[in-house]
Amino acid sequence: MATFMNGGPYWHLCTPGQYTEILCESEEDYKFYMNLIAICAALSGVIILTFQVMSNHFHFILEASEEKCKDFFNRLKNRMLRYYPLSGRSKNLKQFNEKILPIDNLESLRNEIVYSNRNGYLADSKYTPFSYPWGSSYAYYNFLPGIEYHKAFMDLTDREKKALCKSRVLELPEEYRVYNGIIVPESYCNIKKGEALFRNANHYFSKISKNYEAYSAVAKALGESTVLTDNEMFSVISAKSKREHGENQPSRLSQNVKLDYARFMRQDYFASEGQIHRILALDLSVVRELFGH
């Protein structure tokens, strides 16, 4: 509680994935954004507790004034607008605007951090929340020996700095470290403070793997649609089915109950038609008709 009370204000800044075309088409694009975020954080003065870069949208949990958060995003977008034409690409970024939501209590801040740190895991099944490379989630409660041996940004040549920043030579904080062409997040994100907001590692792990209701609440506030994996959704529905009907296999429920559960899955967890079909063993045509498709 003291860690929370002695800091702030806190914000969840995100961008609209549903309205944005693919931004990261290659590893080079992901690296560009990883480095751009480090640069914009230094120039705007925001503190990043955690962040994730997705193929078409971003999540940031920030500690700063609202004005600094907006400055951070504006710097990010302005450099994006210059980046694509240099590689002969055109991107429509008219609807690529920030949503900045205040976080006013400790439990909400914990939930927002966890929600952000799960995003890569949800988007790409080959990763876990502790291995997704395009963000800072992998650094949470993960001892990473050797960061002090990563090359210091300030020790790079001017040519190396230009290549990394995709811009003129910039002077960045001396604590910034570089590995494999990326300014590593643990050198500029306040991971230690983020971790200190949880009681311990077990508390964090429990939230990132079981806190389904909180994920739904955050997604609704952000207007997002991806909440749970199939396995997680099955756990929720199986528990509900066992509690309400004494049946831990949702596929064995009656058709009418399945239709009620389908509505519940869509309304509370933004489940896709395919996910509803797979978990409830409802014919896909029935699911589509239920939701007017």
Protein backbone atom coordinates (compact mmCIF):
# COMPACT_ATOMS: atom_id res chain seq x y z
CA MET A 1 0.00 0.00 0.00
CA ALA A 2 2.85 2.43 0.84
CA THR A 3 4.39 1.90 -2.59
CA PHE A 4 1.10 2.87 -4.21
CA MET A 5 0.35 5.82 -1.93
CA ASN A 6 3.82 7.33 -2.29
CA GLY A 7 3.60 7.47 -6.08
CA GLY A 8 1.24 8.28 -8.89
CA PRO A 9 -0.83 9.36 -10.60
CA TYR A 10 -1.15 6.08 -12.51
CA TRP A 11 -2.66 5.49 -15.95
CA HIS A 12 -3.40 2.75 -18.44
CA LEU A 13 -2.63 4.13 -21.89
CA CYS A 14 -3.67 1.89 -24.75
CA THR A 15 -4.35 2.17 -28.46
CA PRO A 16 -7.31 0.73 -30.44
CA GLY A 17 -6.41 -2.64 -31.90
CA GLN A 18 -9.81 -3.07 -33.53
CA TYR A 19 -9.36 0.03 -35.71
CA THR A 20 -5.68 -0.31 -36.56
CA GLU A 21 -4.06 -2.20 -39.39
CA ILE A 22 -1.00 -4.35 -38.71
CA LEU A 23 1.84 -2.15 -37.48
CA CYS A 24 4.49 -4.80 -36.85
CA GLU A 25 5.05 -6.81 -39.99
CA SER A 26 8.52 -8.06 -39.11
CA GLU A 27 10.99 -8.43 -36.26
CA GLU A 28 12.57 -5.18 -37.41
CA ASP A 29 9.27 -3.37 -36.81
CA TYR A 30 8.97 -4.81 -33.29
CA LYS A 31 12.54 -3.73 -32.52
CA PHE A 32 11.80 -0.25 -33.83
CA TYR A 33 8.90 0.12 -31.42
CA MET A 34 10.81 -1.33 -28.47
CA ASN A 35 13.51 1.31 -28.99
CA LEU A 36 11.04 4.08 -29.81
CA ILE A 37 9.23 3.50 -26.51
CA ALA A 38 12.51 3.79 -24.59
CA ILE A 39 13.32 7.04 -26.42
CA CYS A 40 9.88 8.60 -25.89
CA ALA A 41 9.89 7.63 -22.21
CA ALA A 42 13.17 9.48 -21.71
CA LEU A 43 12.06 12.55 -23.66
CA SER A 44 8.64 12.84 -22.01
CA GLY A 45 9.67 11.92 -18.46
CA VAL A 46 7.03 9.23 -17.88
CA ILE A 47 7.74 6.24 -15.66
CA ILE A 48 6.76 2.96 -17.31
CA LEU A 49 5.74 0.21 -14.88
CA THR A 50 5.09 -2.24 -17.71
CA PHE A 51 4.18 -2.27 -21.41
CA GLN A 52 3.44 -4.60 -24.30
CA VAL A 53 3.85 -4.13 -28.04
CA MET A 54 1.29 -6.11 -30.03
CA SER A 55 1.08 -6.44 -33.81
CA ASN A 56 -1.48 -3.62 -34.07
CA HIS A 57 -1.78 -1.97 -30.67
CA PHE A 58 0.06 -1.12 -27.44
CA HIS A 59 -0.51 -1.21 -23.69
CA PHE A 60 1.34 1.00 -21.21
CA ILE A 61 0.96 1.27 -17.44
CA LEU A 62 2.40 4.68 -16.63
CA GLU A 63 3.20 6.81 -13.61
CA ALA A 64 3.21 10.48 -14.57
CA SER A 65 0.96 13.48 -14.99
CA GLU A 66 -1.73 13.18 -17.65
CA GLU A 67 0.07 15.88 -19.65
CA LYS A 68 3.28 13.83 -19.70
CA CYS A 69 1.35 10.74 -20.76
CA LYS A 70 -0.13 12.65 -23.69
CA ASP A 71 3.28 14.04 -24.59
CA PHE A 72 4.69 10.49 -24.52
CA PHE A 73 2.01 9.27 -26.93
CA ASN A 74 2.31 12.26 -29.25
CA ARG A 75 6.05 11.72 -29.56
CA LEU A 76 5.42 8.05 -30.28
CA LYS A 77 2.84 8.73 -32.99
CA ASN A 78 4.83 11.51 -34.64
CA ARG A 79 7.81 9.21 -35.08
CA MET A 80 5.54 6.43 -36.35
CA LEU A 81 4.26 8.75 -39.06
CA ARG A 82 7.83 9.26 -40.29
CA TYR A 83 8.90 5.62 -39.95
CA TYR A 84 6.72 3.88 -42.53
CA PRO A 85 7.33 6.19 -45.53
CA LEU A 86 11.08 5.66 -45.08
CA SER A 87 10.56 1.98 -45.87
CA GLY A 88 8.14 2.66 -48.73
CA ARG A 89 5.04 1.70 -46.76
CA SER A 90 1.80 3.51 -46.15
CA LYS A 91 -0.22 3.18 -42.95
CA ASN A 92 -3.55 4.81 -42.17
CA LEU A 93 -3.09 6.10 -38.62
CA LYS A 94 -6.05 8.48 -38.49
CA GLN A 95 -7.82 6.32 -35.90
CA PHE A 96 -4.62 5.44 -34.05
CA ASN A 97 -5.36 7.54 -30.98
CA GLU A 98 -4.67 6.99 -27.34
CA LYS A 99 -7.10 6.06 -24.60
CA ILE A 100 -5.81 7.11 -21.18
CA LEU A 101 -7.67 5.70 -18.19
CA PRO A 102 -6.84 6.73 -14.60
CA ILE A 103 -6.02 4.02 -12.05
CA ASP A 104 -7.10 5.18 -8.62
CA ASN A 105 -6.50 2.28 -6.23
CA LEU A 106 -3.93 -0.40 -5.55
CA GLU A 107 -6.03 -3.41 -6.55
CA SER A 108 -6.93 -1.79 -9.87
CA LEU A 109 -3.27 -1.03 -10.54
CA ARG A 110 -2.36 -4.67 -9.89
CA ASN A 111 -5.10 -5.83 -12.25
CA GLU A 112 -4.05 -3.40 -14.99
CA ILE A 113 -0.42 -4.55 -14.78
CA VAL A 114 -1.47 -8.18 -14.98
CA TYR A 115 -3.87 -7.52 -17.86
CA SER A 116 -1.15 -5.77 -19.83
CA ASN A 117 1.40 -8.47 -19.11
CA ARG A 118 -0.94 -11.19 -20.41
CA ASN A 119 -1.49 -9.63 -23.83
CA GLY A 120 1.37 -11.25 -25.73
CA TYR A 121 0.47 -14.64 -24.30
CA LEU A 122 -3.10 -14.28 -25.51
CA ALA A 123 -2.10 -13.10 -28.97
CA ASP A 124 0.51 -15.75 -29.69
CA SER A 125 0.16 -19.25 -28.28
CA LYS A 126 3.85 -20.06 -28.56
CA TYR A 127 4.61 -17.64 -25.72
CA THR A 128 3.85 -17.46 -22.01
CA PRO A 129 3.50 -14.19 -20.06
CA PHE A 130 7.12 -14.79 -19.02
CA SER A 131 8.62 -15.28 -22.47
CA TYR A 132 6.89 -12.77 -24.76
CA PRO A 133 9.82 -10.66 -26.02
CA TRP A 134 8.08 -7.49 -27.20
CA GLY A 135 7.45 -5.74 -23.91
CA SER A 136 8.48 -5.92 -20.28
CA SER A 137 6.30 -8.75 -18.92
CA TYR A 138 9.16 -11.29 -19.12
CA ALA A 139 11.11 -9.27 -16.55
CA TYR A 140 8.49 -9.53 -13.78
CA TYR A 141 9.75 -11.83 -11.02
CA ASN A 142 12.32 -13.19 -13.42
CA PHE A 143 15.93 -12.80 -12.30
CA LEU A 144 17.87 -11.72 -15.37
CA PRO A 145 21.60 -11.93 -14.69
CA GLY A 146 23.88 -10.05 -17.02
CA ILE A 147 22.02 -6.80 -17.68
CA GLU A 148 24.97 -4.91 -16.25
CA TYR A 149 27.09 -6.53 -18.96
CA HIS A 150 24.82 -5.45 -21.80
CA LYS A 151 26.36 -2.69 -23.86
CA ALA A 152 25.62 0.82 -22.64
CA PHE A 153 23.75 2.95 -25.16
CA MET A 154 26.14 5.83 -24.45
CA ASP A 155 29.08 3.63 -25.55
CA LEU A 156 27.63 2.94 -29.01
CA THR A 157 29.15 4.69 -32.00
CA ASP A 158 27.16 7.46 -33.65
CA ARG A 159 26.43 5.12 -36.54
CA GLU A 160 25.11 2.45 -34.15
CA LYS A 161 22.97 5.01 -32.34
CA LYS A 162 21.46 6.25 -35.61
CA ALA A 163 20.71 2.70 -36.73
CA LEU A 164 19.07 1.82 -33.42
CA CYS A 165 17.03 5.02 -33.11
CA LYS A 166 16.19 5.32 -36.82
CA SER A 167 16.92 9.04 -36.41
CA ARG A 168 19.61 11.55 -35.70
CA VAL A 169 22.00 10.84 -32.85
CA LEU A 170 20.25 11.04 -29.48
CA GLU A 171 21.77 11.18 -26.03
CA LEU A 172 19.78 8.92 -23.72
CA PRO A 173 20.13 8.17 -20.01
CA GLU A 174 23.36 6.43 -19.02
CA GLU A 175 21.44 3.52 -17.46
CA TYR A 176 20.04 2.51 -20.87
CA ARG A 177 21.48 -0.83 -21.95
CA VAL A 178 21.37 -2.51 -25.36
CA TYR A 179 21.21 -6.17 -26.32
CA ASN A 180 20.62 -7.62 -29.78
CA GLY A 181 19.66 -4.24 -31.21
CA ILE A 182 17.12 -3.45 -28.49
CA ILE A 183 17.24 -1.06 -25.56
CA VAL A 184 16.26 -3.61 -22.94
CA PRO A 185 13.09 -2.72 -20.96
CA GLU A 186 14.59 -3.60 -17.60
CA SER A 187 17.04 -0.70 -18.05
CA TYR A 188 14.28 1.94 -18.26
CA CYS A 189 11.02 0.42 -16.89
CA ASN A 190 10.55 0.51 -13.13
CA ILE A 191 10.09 -3.26 -12.80
CA LYS A 192 11.07 -3.23 -9.12
CA LYS A 193 8.26 -0.83 -8.28
CA GLY A 194 5.80 -2.86 -10.34
CA GLU A 195 6.76 -5.99 -8.44
CA ALA A 196 6.54 -4.17 -5.09
CA LEU A 197 2.85 -3.50 -5.75
CA PHE A 198 2.19 -7.24 -5.25
CA ARG A 199 2.59 -9.04 -1.94
CA ASN A 200 5.11 -11.49 -3.40
CA ALA A 201 5.83 -13.60 -6.49
CA ASN A 202 3.08 -16.11 -5.64
CA HIS A 203 0.55 -13.27 -5.44
CA TYR A 204 1.57 -12.05 -8.91
CA PHE A 205 1.56 -15.54 -10.44
CA SER A 206 -1.88 -16.24 -9.00
CA LYS A 207 -3.28 -13.06 -10.50
CA ILE A 208 -1.76 -13.61 -13.92
CA SER A 209 -3.11 -17.15 -14.16
CA LYS A 210 -6.46 -17.13 -12.31
CA ASN A 211 -7.89 -13.62 -12.03
CA TYR A 212 -10.49 -14.08 -14.79
CA GLU A 213 -13.14 -11.66 -13.51
CA ALA A 214 -10.59 -8.85 -13.30
CA TYR A 215 -9.46 -9.45 -16.88
CA SER A 216 -13.06 -9.06 -18.04
CA ALA A 217 -13.53 -5.79 -16.12
CA VAL A 218 -10.35 -4.27 -17.55
CA ALA A 219 -11.24 -5.37 -21.10
CA LYS A 220 -14.68 -3.75 -20.81
CA ALA A 221 -13.17 -0.47 -19.62
CA LEU A 222 -10.68 -0.47 -22.49
CA GLY A 223 -13.17 -1.62 -25.13
CA GLU A 224 -11.08 -4.66 -25.99
CA SER A 225 -12.23 -8.10 -27.05
CA THR A 226 -9.54 -10.66 -26.14
CA VAL A 227 -9.78 -11.84 -22.54
CA LEU A 228 -9.25 -15.58 -22.02
CA THR A 229 -7.61 -18.47 -23.81
CA ASP A 230 -9.70 -21.56 -24.57
CA ASN A 231 -8.29 -23.39 -21.53
CA GLU A 232 -9.05 -20.45 -19.25
CA MET A 233 -12.54 -20.02 -20.69
CA PHE A 234 -13.20 -23.73 -20.22
CA SER A 235 -12.17 -23.44 -16.54
CA VAL A 236 -14.66 -20.60 -16.00
CA ILE A 237 -17.56 -22.38 -17.74
CA SER A 238 -16.77 -25.76 -16.23
CA ALA A 239 -16.83 -24.27 -12.72
CA LYS A 240 -20.09 -22.43 -13.48
CA SER A 241 -21.64 -25.63 -14.88
CA LYS A 242 -20.53 -27.67 -11.87
CA ARG A 243 -21.86 -25.06 -9.44
CA GLU A 244 -25.21 -24.53 -11.14
CA HIS A 245 -25.97 -27.94 -12.66
CA GLY A 246 -23.64 -30.45 -11.02
CA GLU A 247 -21.93 -31.07 -14.37
CA ASN A 248 -18.26 -30.28 -14.97
CA GLN A 249 -18.46 -30.96 -18.73
CA PRO A 250 -20.26 -28.01 -20.38
CA SER A 251 -20.73 -30.01 -23.58
CA ARG A 252 -23.21 -32.27 -21.71
CA LEU A 253 -25.56 -29.44 -20.75
CA SER A 254 -28.98 -29.08 -22.35
CA GLN A 255 -29.32 -26.96 -25.49
CA ASN A 256 -31.21 -24.19 -23.69
CA VAL A 257 -28.59 -23.97 -20.93
CA LYS A 258 -25.84 -23.92 -23.54
CA LEU A 259 -27.52 -20.98 -25.26
CA ASP A 260 -27.67 -19.11 -21.93
CA TYR A 261 -24.01 -19.89 -21.32
CA ALA A 262 -23.15 -18.72 -24.83
CA ARG A 263 -24.72 -15.33 -24.08
CA PHE A 264 -22.86 -15.19 -20.76
CA MET A 265 -19.53 -15.99 -22.46
CA ARG A 266 -20.05 -13.30 -25.07
CA GLN A 267 -21.30 -10.61 -22.68
CA ASP A 268 -18.92 -11.14 -19.77
CA TYR A 269 -15.79 -12.48 -21.49
CA PHE A 270 -16.10 -11.36 -25.13
CA ALA A 271 -15.82 -14.98 -26.25
CA SER A 272 -15.63 -15.45 -30.00
CA GLU A 273 -18.15 -17.56 -31.89
CA GLY A 274 -15.46 -20.18 -32.46
CA GLN A 275 -14.58 -20.29 -28.78
CA ILE A 276 -18.22 -20.72 -27.79
CA HIS A 277 -18.58 -23.48 -30.39
CA ARG A 278 -15.50 -25.33 -29.11
CA ILE A 279 -16.26 -25.12 -25.39
CA LEU A 280 -20.01 -25.75 -25.42
CA ALA A 281 -20.04 -28.12 -28.41
CA LEU A 282 -22.73 -25.94 -29.97
CA ASP A 283 -23.12 -26.14 -33.73
CA LEU A 284 -21.37 -23.12 -35.24
CA SER A 285 -24.43 -22.22 -37.30
CA VAL A 286 -26.49 -22.07 -34.07
CA VAL A 287 -23.93 -19.79 -32.45
CA ARG A 288 -23.88 -17.48 -35.46
CA GLU A 289 -27.68 -17.31 -35.56
CA LEU A 290 -27.74 -16.55 -31.83
CA PHE A 291 -25.62 -13.45 -32.36
CA GLY A 292 -27.29 -12.38 -35.59
CA HIS A 293 -24.64 -13.49 -38.09
